[in-house]
């Protein structure tokens, strides 16, 4: 995606989603599994869509790392592998 982040705050989050939806307007995400580590969750997510300009299909599996405080996500990162997600929070599976 253009811009590449990091995206900060509400405006940054909006900008990230606008960038994504401008190139993949029919983007879909399905959470397949969630590892609950207390204040951090690691969901495995399947993303699908079609590119706006070419119609080329897109499908990928990513692992999100989400840190929670008072029921709100305060930080998250998309990682290309489960190992990278655990490494992002200083853990090994």
PDB file of N, CA and C in Angstrom:
ATOM      1  N   UNK A   1       0.828  -1.182   0.000  1.00  0.00           N
ATOM      2  CA  UNK A   1       0.000   0.000   0.000  1.00  0.00           C
ATOM      3  C   UNK A   1       0.870   1.241   0.000  1.00  0.00           C
ATOM      4  N   UNK A   2       0.403   2.210  -0.680  1.00  0.00           N
ATOM      5  CA  UNK A   2       1.118   3.476  -0.699  1.00  0.00           C
ATOM      6  C   UNK A   2       1.135   4.071   0.703  1.00  0.00           C
ATOM      7  N   UNK A   3       2.207   4.693   1.045  1.00  0.00           N
ATOM      8  CA  UNK A   3       2.328   5.297   2.371  1.00  0.00           C
ATOM      9  C   UNK A   3       3.068   4.388   3.322  1.00  0.00           C
ATOM     10  N   UNK A   4       2.699   3.121   3.369  1.00  0.00           N
ATOM     11  CA  UNK A   4       3.417   2.123   4.129  1.00  0.00           C
ATOM     12  C   UNK A   4       3.456   2.279   5.625  1.00  0.00           C
ATOM     13  N   UNK A   5       2.842   3.298   6.184  1.00  0.00           N
ATOM     14  CA  UNK A   5       2.753   3.459   7.624  1.00  0.00           C
ATOM     15  C   UNK A   5       4.081   3.818   8.263  1.00  0.00           C
ATOM     16  N   UNK A   6       4.161   3.893   9.547  1.00  0.00           N
ATOM     17  CA  UNK A   6       3.077   3.541  10.463  1.00  0.00           C
ATOM     18  C   UNK A   6       1.955   4.578  10.442  1.00  0.00           C
ATOM     19  N   UNK A   7       0.770   4.096  10.734  1.00  0.00           N
ATOM     20  CA  UNK A   7      -0.395   4.959  10.838  1.00  0.00           C
ATOM     21  C   UNK A   7      -0.665   5.179  12.317  1.00  0.00           C
ATOM     22  N   UNK A   8      -0.824   6.425  12.729  1.00  0.00           N
ATOM     23  CA  UNK A   8      -0.999   6.737  14.139  1.00  0.00           C
ATOM     24  C   UNK A   8      -2.334   7.430  14.383  1.00  0.00           C
ATOM     25  N   UNK A   9      -2.994   7.022  15.459  1.00  0.00           N
ATOM     26  CA  UNK A   9      -4.234   7.675  15.877  1.00  0.00           C
ATOM     27  C   UNK A   9      -5.400   7.382  14.957  1.00  0.00           C
ATOM     28  N   UNK A  10      -6.508   8.053  15.254  1.00  0.00           N
ATOM     29  CA  UNK A  10      -7.727   7.852  14.457  1.00  0.00           C
ATOM     30  C   UNK A  10      -7.519   8.259  13.006  1.00  0.00           C
ATOM     31  N   UNK A  11      -6.885   9.413  12.805  1.00  0.00           N
ATOM     32  CA  UNK A  11      -6.669   9.882  11.429  1.00  0.00           C
ATOM     33  C   UNK A  11      -5.771   8.931  10.653  1.00  0.00           C
ATOM     34  N   UNK A  12      -4.745   8.421  11.306  1.00  0.00           N
ATOM     35  CA  UNK A  12      -3.859   7.464  10.652  1.00  0.00           C
ATOM     36  C   UNK A  12      -4.578   6.176  10.290  1.00  0.00           C
ATOM     37  N   UNK A  13      -5.422   5.704  11.198  1.00  0.00           N
ATOM     38  CA  UNK A  13      -6.198   4.489  10.933  1.00  0.00           C
ATOM     39  C   UNK A  13      -7.127   4.704   9.748  1.00  0.00           C
ATOM     40  N   UNK A  14      -7.812   5.836   9.729  1.00  0.00           N
ATOM     41  CA  UNK A  14      -8.688   6.156   8.592  1.00  0.00           C
ATOM     42  C   UNK A  14      -7.891   6.202   7.285  1.00  0.00           C
ATOM     43  N   UNK A  15      -6.749   6.835   7.327  1.00  0.00           N
ATOM     44  CA  UNK A  15      -5.908   6.950   6.134  1.00  0.00           C
ATOM     45  C   UNK A  15      -5.466   5.572   5.638  1.00  0.00           C
ATOM     46  N   UNK A  16      -5.077   4.700   6.550  1.00  0.00           N
ATOM     47  CA  UNK A  16      -4.679   3.344   6.167  1.00  0.00           C
ATOM     48  C   UNK A  16      -5.805   2.590   5.478  1.00  0.00           C
ATOM     49  N   UNK A  17      -7.006   2.673   6.062  1.00  0.00           N
ATOM     50  CA  UNK A  17      -8.154   1.996   5.446  1.00  0.00           C
ATOM     51  C   UNK A  17      -8.509   2.626   4.097  1.00  0.00           C
ATOM     52  N   UNK A  18      -8.448   3.945   4.003  1.00  0.00           N
ATOM     53  CA  UNK A  18      -8.736   4.603   2.721  1.00  0.00           C
ATOM     54  C   UNK A  18      -7.741   4.167   1.657  1.00  0.00           C
ATOM     55  N   UNK A  19      -6.463   4.072   2.023  1.00  0.00           N
ATOM     56  CA  UNK A  19      -5.450   3.604   1.069  1.00  0.00           C
ATOM     57  C   UNK A  19      -5.746   2.191   0.606  1.00  0.00           C
ATOM     58  N   UNK A  20      -6.056   1.305   1.545  1.00  0.00           N
ATOM     59  CA  UNK A  20      -6.351  -0.084   1.200  1.00  0.00           C
ATOM     60  C   UNK A  20      -7.573  -0.181   0.299  1.00  0.00           C
ATOM     61  N   UNK A  21      -8.662   0.497   0.683  1.00  0.00           N
ATOM     62  CA  UNK A  21      -9.907   0.387  -0.074  1.00  0.00           C
ATOM     63  C   UNK A  21      -9.848   1.101  -1.424  1.00  0.00           C
ATOM     64  N   UNK A  22      -8.897   2.012  -1.601  1.00  0.00           N
ATOM     65  CA  UNK A  22      -8.763   2.668  -2.904  1.00  0.00           C
ATOM     66  C   UNK A  22      -8.187   1.714  -3.951  1.00  0.00           C
ATOM     67  N   UNK A  23      -7.423   0.710  -3.527  1.00  0.00           N
ATOM     68  CA  UNK A  23      -6.858  -0.248  -4.485  1.00  0.00           C
ATOM     69  C   UNK A  23      -7.579  -1.592  -4.455  1.00  0.00           C
ATOM     70  N   UNK A  24      -8.274  -1.889  -3.374  1.00  0.00           N
ATOM     71  CA  UNK A  24      -9.029  -3.144  -3.239  1.00  0.00           C
ATOM     72  C   UNK A  24     -10.388  -2.818  -2.616  1.00  0.00           C
ATOM     73  N   UNK A  25     -11.314  -2.243  -3.417  1.00  0.00           N
ATOM     74  CA  UNK A  25     -12.564  -1.753  -2.845  1.00  0.00           C
ATOM     75  C   UNK A  25     -13.471  -2.840  -2.263  1.00  0.00           C
ATOM     76  N   UNK A  26     -13.319  -4.068  -2.679  1.00  0.00           N
ATOM     77  CA  UNK A  26     -14.156  -5.148  -2.146  1.00  0.00           C
ATOM     78  C   UNK A  26     -13.387  -6.009  -1.143  1.00  0.00           C
ATOM     79  N   UNK A  27     -12.453  -5.402  -0.437  1.00  0.00           N
ATOM     80  CA  UNK A  27     -11.616  -6.089   0.546  1.00  0.00           C
ATOM     81  C   UNK A  27     -12.477  -6.803   1.582  1.00  0.00           C
ATOM     82  N   UNK A  28     -12.116  -8.037   1.883  1.00  0.00           N
ATOM     83  CA  UNK A  28     -12.773  -8.825   2.924  1.00  0.00           C
ATOM     84  C   UNK A  28     -11.701  -9.414   3.820  1.00  0.00           C
ATOM     85  N   UNK A  29     -11.984  -9.463   5.111  1.00  0.00           N
ATOM     86  CA  UNK A  29     -11.062 -10.070   6.069  1.00  0.00           C
ATOM     87  C   UNK A  29     -11.844 -11.063   6.917  1.00  0.00           C
ATOM     88  N   UNK A  30     -11.281 -12.235   7.104  1.00  0.00           N
ATOM     89  CA  UNK A  30     -11.908 -13.272   7.931  1.00  0.00           C
ATOM     90  C   UNK A  30     -10.892 -13.715   8.991  1.00  0.00           C
ATOM     91  N   UNK A  31     -11.271 -13.555  10.247  1.00  0.00           N
ATOM     92  CA  UNK A  31     -10.415 -14.021  11.338  1.00  0.00           C
ATOM     93  C   UNK A  31     -10.634 -15.527  11.472  1.00  0.00           C
ATOM     94  N   UNK A  32      -9.557 -16.279  11.316  1.00  0.00           N
ATOM     95  CA  UNK A  32      -9.639 -17.737  11.338  1.00  0.00           C
ATOM     96  C   UNK A  32      -9.323 -18.326  12.706  1.00  0.00           C
ATOM     97  N   UNK A  33      -8.496 -17.637  13.466  1.00  0.00           N
ATOM     98  CA  UNK A  33      -8.075 -18.152  14.772  1.00  0.00           C
ATOM     99  C   UNK A  33      -7.526 -16.985  15.569  1.00  0.00           C
ATOM    100  N   UNK A  34      -7.683 -17.018  16.902  1.00  0.00           N
ATOM    101  CA  UNK A  34      -7.128 -15.971  17.760  1.00  0.00           C
ATOM    102  C   UNK A  34      -6.378 -16.617  18.910  1.00  0.00           C
ATOM    103  N   UNK A  35      -5.137 -16.193  19.102  1.00  0.00           N
ATOM    104  CA  UNK A  35      -4.366 -16.591  20.281  1.00  0.00           C
ATOM    105  C   UNK A  35      -4.484 -15.462  21.291  1.00  0.00           C
ATOM    106  N   UNK A  36      -5.036 -15.756  22.459  1.00  0.00           N
ATOM    107  CA  UNK A  36      -5.219 -14.766  23.514  1.00  0.00           C
ATOM    108  C   UNK A  36      -4.072 -14.888  24.503  1.00  0.00           C
ATOM    109  N   UNK A  37      -3.249 -13.848  24.571  1.00  0.00           N
ATOM    110  CA  UNK A  37      -2.090 -13.848  25.461  1.00  0.00           C
ATOM    111  C   UNK A  37      -2.272 -12.828  26.587  1.00  0.00           C
ATOM    112  N   UNK A  38      -3.494 -12.533  26.935  1.00  0.00           N
ATOM    113  CA  UNK A  38      -3.767 -11.554  27.979  1.00  0.00           C
ATOM    114  C   UNK A  38      -4.018 -10.190  27.377  1.00  0.00           C
ATOM    115  N   UNK A  39      -3.072  -9.274  27.543  1.00  0.00           N
ATOM    116  CA  UNK A  39      -3.225  -7.926  26.985  1.00  0.00           C
ATOM    117  C   UNK A  39      -2.879  -7.860  25.504  1.00  0.00           C
ATOM    118  N   UNK A  40      -2.472  -8.986  24.940  1.00  0.00           N
ATOM    119  CA  UNK A  40      -2.131  -9.067  23.518  1.00  0.00           C
ATOM    120  C   UNK A  40      -2.897 -10.231  22.901  1.00  0.00           C
ATOM    121  N   UNK A  41      -3.441 -10.010  21.720  1.00  0.00           N
ATOM    122  CA  UNK A  41      -4.034 -11.096  20.950  1.00  0.00           C
ATOM    123  C   UNK A  41      -3.306 -11.196  19.621  1.00  0.00           C
ATOM    124  N   UNK A  42      -3.263 -12.422  19.090  1.00  0.00           N
ATOM    125  CA  UNK A  42      -2.641 -12.655  17.784  1.00  0.00           C
ATOM    126  C   UNK A  42      -3.644 -13.419  16.919  1.00  0.00           C
ATOM    127  N   UNK A  43      -4.449 -12.680  16.144  1.00  0.00           N
ATOM    128  CA  UNK A  43      -5.371 -13.345  15.232  1.00  0.00           C
ATOM    129  C   UNK A  43      -4.699 -13.710  13.908  1.00  0.00           C
ATOM    130  N   UNK A  44      -5.022 -14.917  13.413  1.00  0.00           N
ATOM    131  CA  UNK A  44      -4.645 -15.284  12.043  1.00  0.00           C
ATOM    132  C   UNK A  44      -5.813 -14.844  11.172  1.00  0.00           C
ATOM    133  N   UNK A  45      -5.507 -14.104  10.119  1.00  0.00           N
ATOM    134  CA  UNK A  45      -6.548 -13.475   9.308  1.00  0.00           C
ATOM    135  C   UNK A  45      -6.333 -13.783   7.839  1.00  0.00           C
ATOM    136  N   UNK A  46      -7.393 -14.130   7.157  1.00  0.00           N
ATOM    137  CA  UNK A  46      -7.355 -14.358   5.707  1.00  0.00           C
ATOM    138  C   UNK A  46      -7.969 -13.136   5.028  1.00  0.00           C
ATOM    139  N   UNK A  47      -7.199 -12.491   4.162  1.00  0.00           N
ATOM    140  CA  UNK A  47      -7.658 -11.321   3.416  1.00  0.00           C
ATOM    141  C   UNK A  47      -7.912 -11.708   1.974  1.00  0.00           C
ATOM    142  N   UNK A  48      -8.979 -11.159   1.421  1.00  0.00           N
ATOM    143  CA  UNK A  48      -9.327 -11.417   0.023  1.00  0.00           C
ATOM    144  C   UNK A  48      -9.832 -10.128  -0.619  1.00  0.00           C
ATOM    145  N   UNK A  49      -9.723 -10.068  -1.913  1.00  0.00           N
ATOM    146  CA  UNK A  49     -10.267  -8.946  -2.658  1.00  0.00           C
ATOM    147  C   UNK A  49      -9.806  -8.994  -4.101  1.00  0.00           C
ATOM    148  N   UNK A  50     -10.184  -7.977  -4.843  1.00  0.00           N
ATOM    149  CA  UNK A  50      -9.758  -7.824  -6.231  1.00  0.00           C
ATOM    150  C   UNK A  50      -9.223  -6.414  -6.417  1.00  0.00           C
ATOM    151  N   UNK A  51      -8.150  -6.317  -7.161  1.00  0.00           N
ATOM    152  CA  UNK A  51      -7.549  -5.011  -7.424  1.00  0.00           C
ATOM    153  C   UNK A  51      -8.514  -4.150  -8.228  1.00  0.00           C
ATOM    154  N   UNK A  52      -8.601  -2.900  -7.861  1.00  0.00           N
ATOM    155  CA  UNK A  52      -9.520  -1.965  -8.504  1.00  0.00           C
ATOM    156  C   UNK A  52      -9.239  -1.831  -9.993  1.00  0.00           C
ATOM    157  N   UNK A  53      -8.005  -1.568 -10.353  1.00  0.00           N
ATOM    158  CA  UNK A  53      -7.670  -1.275 -11.748  1.00  0.00           C
ATOM    159  C   UNK A  53      -7.693  -2.514 -12.635  1.00  0.00           C
ATOM    160  N   UNK A  54      -7.089  -3.605 -12.190  1.00  0.00           N
ATOM    161  CA  UNK A  54      -6.928  -4.771 -13.062  1.00  0.00           C
ATOM    162  C   UNK A  54      -7.948  -5.871 -12.811  1.00  0.00           C
ATOM    163  N   UNK A  55      -8.558  -5.873 -11.643  1.00  0.00           N
ATOM    164  CA  UNK A  55      -9.464  -6.965 -11.288  1.00  0.00           C
ATOM    165  C   UNK A  55      -8.740  -8.216 -10.828  1.00  0.00           C
ATOM    166  N   UNK A  56      -7.423  -8.135 -10.715  1.00  0.00           N
ATOM    167  CA  UNK A  56      -6.637  -9.300 -10.292  1.00  0.00           C
ATOM    168  C   UNK A  56      -7.023  -9.697  -8.860  1.00  0.00           C
ATOM    169  N   UNK A  57      -7.190 -11.001  -8.620  1.00  0.00           N
ATOM    170  CA  UNK A  57      -7.553 -11.438  -7.270  1.00  0.00           C
ATOM    171  C   UNK A  57      -6.369 -11.314  -6.311  1.00  0.00           C
ATOM    172  N   UNK A  58      -6.704 -11.062  -5.071  1.00  0.00           N
ATOM    173  CA  UNK A  58      -5.707 -10.988  -4.008  1.00  0.00           C
ATOM    174  C   UNK A  58      -6.201 -11.871  -2.880  1.00  0.00           C
ATOM    175  N   UNK A  59      -5.313 -12.711  -2.373  1.00  0.00           N
ATOM    176  CA  UNK A  59      -5.620 -13.504  -1.190  1.00  0.00           C
ATOM    177  C   UNK A  59      -4.331 -13.670  -0.407  1.00  0.00           C
ATOM    178  N   UNK A  60      -4.399 -13.440   0.890  1.00  0.00           N
ATOM    179  CA  UNK A  60      -3.216 -13.576   1.728  1.00  0.00           C
ATOM    180  C   UNK A  60      -3.639 -13.933   3.151  1.00  0.00           C
ATOM    181  N   UNK A  61      -2.739 -14.595   3.840  1.00  0.00           N
ATOM    182  CA  UNK A  61      -2.913 -14.855   5.253  1.00  0.00           C
ATOM    183  C   UNK A  61      -1.909 -13.997   5.998  1.00  0.00           C
ATOM    184  N   UNK A  62      -2.391 -13.280   7.004  1.00  0.00           N
ATOM    185  CA  UNK A  62      -1.510 -12.472   7.842  1.00  0.00           C
ATOM    186  C   UNK A  62      -1.823 -12.773   9.303  1.00  0.00           C
ATOM    187  N   UNK A  63      -0.923 -12.390  10.151  1.00  0.00           N
ATOM    188  CA  UNK A  63      -1.119 -12.489  11.592  1.00  0.00           C
ATOM    189  C   UNK A  63      -1.080 -11.071  12.125  1.00  0.00           C
ATOM    190  N   UNK A  64      -2.125 -10.672  12.831  1.00  0.00           N
ATOM    191  CA  UNK A  64      -2.173  -9.359  13.458  1.00  0.00           C
ATOM    192  C   UNK A  64      -1.659  -9.506  14.888  1.00  0.00           C
ATOM    193  N   UNK A  65      -0.981  -8.506  15.383  1.00  0.00           N
ATOM    194  CA  UNK A  65      -0.603  -8.443  16.783  1.00  0.00           C
ATOM    195  C   UNK A  65      -1.324  -7.223  17.333  1.00  0.00           C
ATOM    196  N   UNK A  66      -2.179  -7.442  18.332  1.00  0.00           N
ATOM    197  CA  UNK A  66      -2.996  -6.349  18.858  1.00  0.00           C
ATOM    198  C   UNK A  66      -2.789  -6.251  20.364  1.00  0.00           C
ATOM    199  N   UNK A  67      -2.426  -5.054  20.819  1.00  0.00           N
ATOM    200  CA  UNK A  67      -2.302  -4.808  22.255  1.00  0.00           C
ATOM    201  C   UNK A  67      -3.547  -4.063  22.720  1.00  0.00           C
ATOM    202  N   UNK A  68      -4.098  -4.504  23.850  1.00  0.00           N
ATOM    203  CA  UNK A  68      -5.360  -3.984  24.369  1.00  0.00           C
ATOM    204  C   UNK A  68      -5.160  -3.293  25.705  1.00  0.00           C
ATOM    205  N   UNK A  69      -5.912  -2.222  25.923  1.00  0.00           N
ATOM    206  CA  UNK A  69      -5.970  -1.558  27.227  1.00  0.00           C
ATOM    207  C   UNK A  69      -7.393  -1.046  27.425  1.00  0.00           C
ATOM    208  N   UNK A  70      -7.984  -1.428  28.536  1.00  0.00           N
ATOM    209  CA  UNK A  70      -9.359  -1.010  28.866  1.00  0.00           C
ATOM    210  C   UNK A  70     -10.337  -1.329  27.737  1.00  0.00           C
ATOM    211  N   UNK A  71     -10.158  -2.496  27.120  1.00  0.00           N
ATOM    212  CA  UNK A  71     -11.077  -2.934  26.074  1.00  0.00           C
ATOM    213  C   UNK A  71     -10.886  -2.263  24.722  1.00  0.00           C
ATOM    214  N   UNK A  72      -9.809  -1.481  24.565  1.00  0.00           N
ATOM    215  CA  UNK A  72      -9.560  -0.786  23.302  1.00  0.00           C
ATOM    216  C   UNK A  72      -8.217  -1.212  22.738  1.00  0.00           C
ATOM    217  N   UNK A  73      -8.175  -1.376  21.423  1.00  0.00           N
ATOM    218  CA  UNK A  73      -6.905  -1.670  20.752  1.00  0.00           C
ATOM    219  C   UNK A  73      -6.068  -0.398  20.763  1.00  0.00           C
ATOM    220  N   UNK A  74      -4.862  -0.489  21.344  1.00  0.00           N
ATOM    221  CA  UNK A  74      -4.002   0.695  21.412  1.00  0.00           C
ATOM    222  C   UNK A  74      -2.799   0.589  20.473  1.00  0.00           C
ATOM    223  N   UNK A  75      -2.548  -0.606  19.947  1.00  0.00           N
ATOM    224  CA  UNK A  75      -1.416  -0.815  19.038  1.00  0.00           C
ATOM    225  C   UNK A  75      -1.676  -2.082  18.256  1.00  0.00           C
ATOM    226  N   UNK A  76      -1.367  -2.060  16.975  1.00  0.00           N
ATOM    227  CA  UNK A  76      -1.402  -3.316  16.233  1.00  0.00           C
ATOM    228  C   UNK A  76      -0.435  -3.273  15.075  1.00  0.00           C
ATOM    229  N   UNK A  77      -0.065  -4.468  14.668  1.00  0.00           N
ATOM    230  CA  UNK A  77       0.875  -4.632  13.559  1.00  0.00           C
ATOM    231  C   UNK A  77       0.453  -5.849  12.762  1.00  0.00           C
ATOM    232  N   UNK A  78       0.550  -5.753  11.453  1.00  0.00           N
ATOM    233  CA  UNK A  78       0.319  -6.894  10.575  1.00  0.00           C
ATOM    234  C   UNK A  78       1.656  -7.567  10.315  1.00  0.00           C
ATOM    235  N   UNK A  79       1.700  -8.875  10.456  1.00  0.00           N
ATOM    236  CA  UNK A  79       2.937  -9.642  10.267  1.00  0.00           C
ATOM    237  C   UNK A  79       2.712 -10.720   9.205  1.00  0.00           C
ATOM    238  N   UNK A  80       3.749 -11.039   8.431  1.00  0.00           N
ATOM    239  CA  UNK A  80       3.599 -12.012   7.356  1.00  0.00           C
ATOM    240  C   UNK A  80       3.593 -13.465   7.818  1.00  0.00           C
ATOM    241  N   UNK A  81       3.989 -13.722   9.083  1.00  0.00           N
ATOM    242  CA  UNK A  81       4.039 -15.098   9.565  1.00  0.00           C
ATOM    243  C   UNK A  81       3.727 -15.138  11.057  1.00  0.00           C
ATOM    244  N   UNK A  82       3.371 -16.317  11.530  1.00  0.00           N
ATOM    245  CA  UNK A  82       3.116 -16.502  12.955  1.00  0.00           C
ATOM    246  C   UNK A  82       4.376 -16.225  13.753  1.00  0.00           C
ATOM    247  N   UNK A  83       5.514 -16.675  13.259  1.00  0.00           N
ATOM    248  CA  UNK A  83       6.780 -16.451  13.947  1.00  0.00           C
ATOM    249  C   UNK A  83       7.081 -14.957  14.086  1.00  0.00           C
ATOM    250  N   UNK A  84       6.836 -14.205  13.022  1.00  0.00           N
ATOM    251  CA  UNK A  84       7.076 -12.761  13.062  1.00  0.00           C
ATOM    252  C   UNK A  84       6.134 -12.079  14.051  1.00  0.00           C
ATOM    253  N   UNK A  85       4.904 -12.569  14.150  1.00  0.00           N
ATOM    254  CA  UNK A  85       3.943 -11.993  15.097  1.00  0.00           C
ATOM    255  C   UNK A  85       4.402 -12.219  16.534  1.00  0.00           C
ATOM    256  N   UNK A  86       4.828 -13.433  16.847  1.00  0.00           N
ATOM    257  CA  UNK A  86       5.298 -13.711  18.198  1.00  0.00           C
ATOM    258  C   UNK A  86       6.585 -12.927  18.492  1.00  0.00           C
ATOM    259  N   UNK A  87       7.447 -12.801  17.507  1.00  0.00           N
ATOM    260  CA  UNK A  87       8.686 -12.049  17.690  1.00  0.00           C
ATOM    261  C   UNK A  87       8.383 -10.571  17.970  1.00  0.00           C
ATOM    262  N   UNK A  88       7.321 -10.032  17.337  1.00  0.00           N
ATOM    263  CA  UNK A  88       6.951  -8.624  17.529  1.00  0.00           C
ATOM    264  C   UNK A  88       6.599  -8.314  18.980  1.00  0.00           C
ATOM    265  N   UNK A  89       6.178  -9.320  19.734  1.00  0.00           N
ATOM    266  CA  UNK A  89       5.860  -9.111  21.154  1.00  0.00           C
ATOM    267  C   UNK A  89       6.893  -9.765  22.056  1.00  0.00           C
ATOM    268  N   UNK A  90       8.024 -10.170  21.473  1.00  0.00           N
ATOM    269  CA  UNK A  90       9.123 -10.718  22.256  1.00  0.00           C
ATOM    270  C   UNK A  90       8.892 -12.118  22.775  1.00  0.00           C
ATOM    271  N   UNK A  91       8.088 -12.905  22.057  1.00  0.00           N
ATOM    272  CA  UNK A  91       7.804 -14.273  22.468  1.00  0.00           C
ATOM    273  C   UNK A  91       8.180 -15.254  21.382  1.00  0.00           C
ATOM    274  N   UNK A  92       8.346 -16.494  21.795  1.00  0.00           N
ATOM    275  CA  UNK A  92       8.511 -17.608  20.851  1.00  0.00           C
ATOM    276  C   UNK A  92       7.387 -18.582  21.131  1.00  0.00           C
ATOM    277  N   UNK A  93       6.842 -19.123  20.079  1.00  0.00           N
ATOM    278  CA  UNK A  93       5.759 -20.083  20.287  1.00  0.00           C
ATOM    279  C   UNK A  93       6.322 -21.437  20.654  1.00  0.00           C
TER     280      UNK A  93
END
